[in-house]
């Protein structure tokens, strides 16, 4: 697959409306409607804390995962907010250090959109 068919959505905002009305809506539709062949959602910064606390956001995220979107969470952020266990065990996310992967996405010409 060519890198121009890959999208990474970098979600950093702790705003619930931004999550529900923009980030999640676009991410899910990107996958369901095949706007992009491969879609990855990265949970980074304040969004990490919001995700760990908000049931509505967690339920929507499950739908996104079930659609085939890869969901990654920043381990440094999760550790800082004390929510690594919730993200890994309750939400079953892949929690990794994201600095190098994000750099690789950018260097390889993968489309990255940030909210």
Protein backbone atom coordinates (compact mmCIF):
# COMPACT_ATOMS: atom_id res chain seq x y z
CA UNK A 1 0.00 0.00 0.00
CA UNK A 2 1.26 3.43 -0.89
CA UNK A 3 1.78 5.93 1.93
CA UNK A 4 -0.60 8.38 0.29
CA UNK A 5 -3.43 5.96 1.18
CA UNK A 6 -2.58 6.06 4.89
CA UNK A 7 -4.01 8.53 7.38
CA UNK A 8 -2.93 9.15 10.96
CA UNK A 9 -5.32 11.15 13.13
CA UNK A 10 -3.41 12.67 16.03
CA UNK A 11 -5.93 13.37 18.79
CA UNK A 12 -4.57 15.69 21.49
CA UNK A 13 -7.56 17.75 22.59
CA UNK A 14 -9.35 17.19 25.90
CA UNK A 15 -12.49 18.82 24.50
CA UNK A 16 -15.38 16.33 24.40
CA UNK A 17 -17.15 18.09 21.52
CA UNK A 18 -13.99 18.07 19.41
CA UNK A 19 -13.67 14.33 20.07
CA UNK A 20 -17.26 13.43 19.27
CA UNK A 21 -18.08 15.90 16.50
CA UNK A 22 -14.78 15.96 14.62
CA UNK A 23 -12.06 13.49 15.58
CA UNK A 24 -14.15 10.36 16.02
CA UNK A 25 -16.68 11.18 13.32
CA UNK A 26 -14.01 11.77 10.67
CA UNK A 27 -11.87 8.83 11.79
CA UNK A 28 -14.75 6.36 11.72
CA UNK A 29 -16.14 7.59 8.40
CA UNK A 30 -12.67 7.57 6.85
CA UNK A 31 -12.55 3.83 7.48
CA UNK A 32 -16.18 2.90 6.84
CA UNK A 33 -16.41 4.88 3.59
CA UNK A 34 -12.91 3.88 2.41
CA UNK A 35 -11.71 7.45 2.10
CA UNK A 36 -8.32 6.05 3.18
CA UNK A 37 -7.12 2.46 2.92
CA UNK A 38 -5.45 2.53 6.33
CA UNK A 39 -6.48 4.72 9.27
CA UNK A 40 -4.67 5.06 12.58
CA UNK A 41 -5.91 7.07 15.55
CA UNK A 42 -3.22 8.22 17.99
CA UNK A 43 -4.30 9.23 21.50
CA UNK A 44 -1.76 11.76 22.78
CA UNK A 45 -1.59 14.37 25.53
CA UNK A 46 -4.77 15.59 27.26
CA UNK A 47 -6.98 13.29 25.15
CA UNK A 48 -5.40 10.40 27.08
CA UNK A 49 -6.96 11.58 30.34
CA UNK A 50 -10.34 12.31 28.72
CA UNK A 51 -10.47 8.84 27.21
CA UNK A 52 -9.66 7.19 30.54
CA UNK A 53 -12.51 9.02 32.32
CA UNK A 54 -15.38 9.37 29.85
CA UNK A 55 -17.64 6.36 29.19
CA UNK A 56 -19.28 7.88 26.09
CA UNK A 57 -15.85 8.45 24.53
CA UNK A 58 -14.76 4.92 25.49
CA UNK A 59 -17.86 3.38 23.88
CA UNK A 60 -17.38 5.37 20.67
CA UNK A 61 -13.72 4.33 20.60
CA UNK A 62 -14.76 0.66 20.73
CA UNK A 63 -16.87 1.22 17.60
CA UNK A 64 -13.90 2.87 15.90
CA UNK A 65 -11.64 -0.06 16.79
CA UNK A 66 -14.24 -2.58 15.57
CA UNK A 67 -14.37 -0.79 12.21
CA UNK A 68 -10.71 -1.66 11.64
CA UNK A 69 -9.03 1.58 12.69
CA UNK A 70 -5.73 0.97 14.46
CA UNK A 71 -5.73 2.84 17.79
CA UNK A 72 -2.47 3.69 19.52
CA UNK A 73 -1.91 5.62 22.73
CA UNK A 74 1.20 7.47 23.86
CA UNK A 75 2.82 5.62 26.78
CA UNK A 76 4.61 8.72 28.11
CA UNK A 77 1.28 10.57 28.29
CA UNK A 78 -0.59 7.61 29.78
CA UNK A 79 2.11 7.20 32.42
CA UNK A 80 2.08 10.93 33.20
CA UNK A 81 -1.70 10.91 33.70
CA UNK A 82 -1.58 7.60 35.58
CA UNK A 83 -3.97 5.90 33.17
CA UNK A 84 -1.79 3.30 31.43
CA UNK A 85 -3.56 0.39 33.11
CA UNK A 86 -6.99 1.66 32.02
CA UNK A 87 -5.90 2.13 28.43
CA UNK A 88 -4.10 -1.21 28.15
CA UNK A 89 -6.36 -3.48 30.17
CA UNK A 90 -9.85 -1.94 30.16
CA UNK A 91 -9.78 -0.43 26.66
CA UNK A 92 -7.25 -2.90 25.20
CA UNK A 93 -5.22 -0.27 23.40
CA UNK A 94 -1.68 -0.61 22.20
CA UNK A 95 0.17 1.86 24.46
CA UNK A 96 3.62 2.72 23.12
CA UNK A 97 6.10 5.57 23.10
CA UNK A 98 4.91 7.60 20.10
CA UNK A 99 7.78 9.99 19.37
CA UNK A 100 9.60 7.72 16.93
CA UNK A 101 6.47 6.36 15.19
CA UNK A 102 5.12 9.89 14.65
CA UNK A 103 8.47 11.00 13.27
CA UNK A 104 8.46 8.02 10.89
CA UNK A 105 4.93 8.79 9.69
CA UNK A 106 6.00 12.34 8.87
CA UNK A 107 9.30 11.37 7.23
CA UNK A 108 7.57 8.75 5.09
CA UNK A 109 4.95 11.11 3.71
CA UNK A 110 1.99 9.61 5.54
CA UNK A 111 -0.84 12.11 5.96
CA UNK A 112 -1.14 13.28 9.58
CA UNK A 113 -4.05 15.43 10.76
CA UNK A 114 -4.07 16.83 14.29
CA UNK A 115 -6.96 17.81 16.57
